[in-house]
Amino acid sequence: MVLPGKPDSFSEKKPSASRSWNAVPLRDRLEDHADDERSSAMIGNMDAMRINAARQRRQILDERSILTHQIYLELVKI
């Protein structure tokens, strides 16, 4: 039951303009979308850089392993 002069908390409560997506101008929404796209691209680039760094580390470890094995074989000959 709603008392006279008291707003009904469910029916009369409206979202504030700052929180409503529709209140945001289209240009700002498009800029936010572009920022999201740039952020996604940057994250993708960072992921690619991490993958490349991991490949390089594995390659270096493989080369070290081969060299270590070659040194071992040389020492065994002596």
C-alpha atoms as a PDB file:
ATOM      1  CA  MET A   1       0.000   0.000   0.000  1.00  0.00           C
ATOM      2  CA  VAL A   2       1.343   3.420  -0.966  1.00  0.00           C
ATOM      3  CA  LEU A   3       0.652   6.327   1.312  1.00  0.00           C
ATOM      4  CA  PRO A   4      -0.523   9.602  -0.241  1.00  0.00           C
ATOM      5  CA  GLY A   5       2.410  11.897  -0.946  1.00  0.00           C
ATOM      6  CA  LYS A   6       4.904   9.019  -0.749  1.00  0.00           C
ATOM      7  CA  PRO A   7       6.373   7.738  -4.013  1.00  0.00           C
ATOM      8  CA  ASP A   8       5.966   4.073  -4.843  1.00  0.00           C
ATOM      9  CA  SER A   9       9.554   2.828  -4.680  1.00  0.00           C
ATOM     10  CA  PHE A  10       9.121   0.545  -7.691  1.00  0.00           C
ATOM     11  CA  SER A  11       6.992   2.553 -10.100  1.00  0.00           C
ATOM     12  CA  GLU A  12       8.290   6.094  -9.648  1.00  0.00           C
ATOM     13  CA  LYS A  13      11.993   5.360  -9.290  1.00  0.00           C
ATOM     14  CA  LYS A  14      13.818   6.128 -12.530  1.00  0.00           C
ATOM     15  CA  PRO A  15      17.495   5.534 -13.335  1.00  0.00           C
ATOM     16  CA  SER A  16      19.682   8.574 -13.172  1.00  0.00           C
ATOM     17  CA  ALA A  17      20.704  10.083 -16.496  1.00  0.00           C
ATOM     18  CA  SER A  18      24.367   9.372 -15.817  1.00  0.00           C
ATOM     19  CA  ARG A  19      23.685   5.649 -15.446  1.00  0.00           C
ATOM     20  CA  SER A  20      21.287   5.270 -18.347  1.00  0.00           C
ATOM     21  CA  TRP A  21      22.971   4.069 -21.543  1.00  0.00           C
ATOM     22  CA  ASN A  22      20.337   5.836 -23.649  1.00  0.00           C
ATOM     23  CA  ALA A  23      21.269   9.160 -22.058  1.00  0.00           C
ATOM     24  CA  VAL A  24      24.832   8.850 -23.389  1.00  0.00           C
ATOM     25  CA  PRO A  25      25.245  10.635 -26.741  1.00  0.00           C
ATOM     26  CA  LEU A  26      25.806   8.369 -29.725  1.00  0.00           C
ATOM     27  CA  ARG A  27      29.238   9.875 -30.408  1.00  0.00           C
ATOM     28  CA  ASP A  28      30.392   9.004 -26.886  1.00  0.00           C
ATOM     29  CA  ARG A  29      29.045   5.463 -27.256  1.00  0.00           C
ATOM     30  CA  LEU A  30      30.891   5.089 -30.569  1.00  0.00           C
ATOM     31  CA  GLU A  31      34.091   6.428 -29.004  1.00  0.00           C
ATOM     32  CA  ASP A  32      33.699   3.953 -26.138  1.00  0.00           C
ATOM     33  CA  HIS A  33      33.232   1.167 -28.681  1.00  0.00           C
ATOM     34  CA  ALA A  34      36.357   2.302 -30.553  1.00  0.00           C
ATOM     35  CA  ASP A  35      38.268   2.364 -27.260  1.00  0.00           C
ATOM     36  CA  ASP A  36      37.069  -1.174 -26.546  1.00  0.00           C
ATOM     37  CA  GLU A  37      38.213  -2.263 -30.012  1.00  0.00           C
ATOM     38  CA  ARG A  38      41.634  -0.654 -29.495  1.00  0.00           C
ATOM     39  CA  SER A  39      41.918  -2.291 -26.079  1.00  0.00           C
ATOM     40  CA  SER A  40      41.048  -5.664 -27.588  1.00  0.00           C
ATOM     41  CA  ALA A  41      43.631  -5.146 -30.322  1.00  0.00           C
ATOM     42  CA  MET A  42      46.263  -4.187 -27.762  1.00  0.00           C
ATOM     43  CA  ILE A  43      45.456  -7.275 -25.700  1.00  0.00           C
ATOM     44  CA  GLY A  44      45.711  -9.380 -28.860  1.00  0.00           C
ATOM     45  CA  ASN A  45      49.087  -7.825 -29.650  1.00  0.00           C
ATOM     46  CA  MET A  46      50.315  -8.490 -26.121  1.00  0.00           C
ATOM     47  CA  ASP A  47      49.168 -12.105 -26.389  1.00  0.00           C
ATOM     48  CA  ALA A  48      51.028 -12.468 -29.697  1.00  0.00           C
ATOM     49  CA  MET A  49      54.146 -10.947 -28.131  1.00  0.00           C
ATOM     50  CA  ARG A  50      53.926 -13.385 -25.196  1.00  0.00           C
ATOM     51  CA  ILE A  51      53.563 -16.318 -27.598  1.00  0.00           C
ATOM     52  CA  ASN A  52      56.556 -15.157 -29.641  1.00  0.00           C
ATOM     53  CA  ALA A  53      58.625 -14.667 -26.495  1.00  0.00           C
ATOM     54  CA  ALA A  54      57.719 -18.178 -25.338  1.00  0.00           C
ATOM     55  CA  ARG A  55      58.740 -19.580 -28.738  1.00  0.00           C
ATOM     56  CA  GLN A  56      62.049 -17.739 -28.568  1.00  0.00           C
ATOM     57  CA  ARG A  57      62.687 -19.061 -25.047  1.00  0.00           C
ATOM     58  CA  ARG A  58      61.951 -22.618 -26.189  1.00  0.00           C
ATOM     59  CA  GLN A  59      64.238 -22.174 -29.192  1.00  0.00           C
ATOM     60  CA  ILE A  60      67.044 -20.871 -26.973  1.00  0.00           C
ATOM     61  CA  LEU A  61      66.563 -23.757 -24.547  1.00  0.00           C
ATOM     62  CA  ASP A  62      66.604 -26.243 -27.440  1.00  0.00           C
ATOM     63  CA  GLU A  63      69.814 -24.712 -28.790  1.00  0.00           C
ATOM     64  CA  ARG A  64      71.388 -24.797 -25.322  1.00  0.00           C
ATOM     65  CA  SER A  65      70.338 -28.402 -24.925  1.00  0.00           C
ATOM     66  CA  ILE A  66      71.918 -29.317 -28.270  1.00  0.00           C
ATOM     67  CA  LEU A  67      75.119 -27.464 -27.390  1.00  0.00           C
ATOM     68  CA  THR A  68      75.239 -29.075 -23.953  1.00  0.00           C
ATOM     69  CA  HIS A  69      74.829 -32.493 -25.544  1.00  0.00           C
ATOM     70  CA  GLN A  70      77.578 -31.748 -28.070  1.00  0.00           C
ATOM     71  CA  ILE A  71      79.908 -30.630 -25.271  1.00  0.00           C
ATOM     72  CA  TYR A  72      79.090 -33.835 -23.363  1.00  0.00           C
ATOM     73  CA  LEU A  73      79.911 -35.934 -26.432  1.00  0.00           C
ATOM     74  CA  GLU A  74      83.226 -34.099 -26.841  1.00  0.00           C
ATOM     75  CA  LEU A  75      84.074 -34.655 -23.182  1.00  0.00           C
ATOM     76  CA  VAL A  76      83.245 -38.344 -23.438  1.00  0.00           C
ATOM     77  CA  LYS A  77      85.675 -38.675 -26.358  1.00  0.00           C
ATOM     78  CA  ILE A  78      88.529 -37.285 -24.268  1.00  0.00           C
END
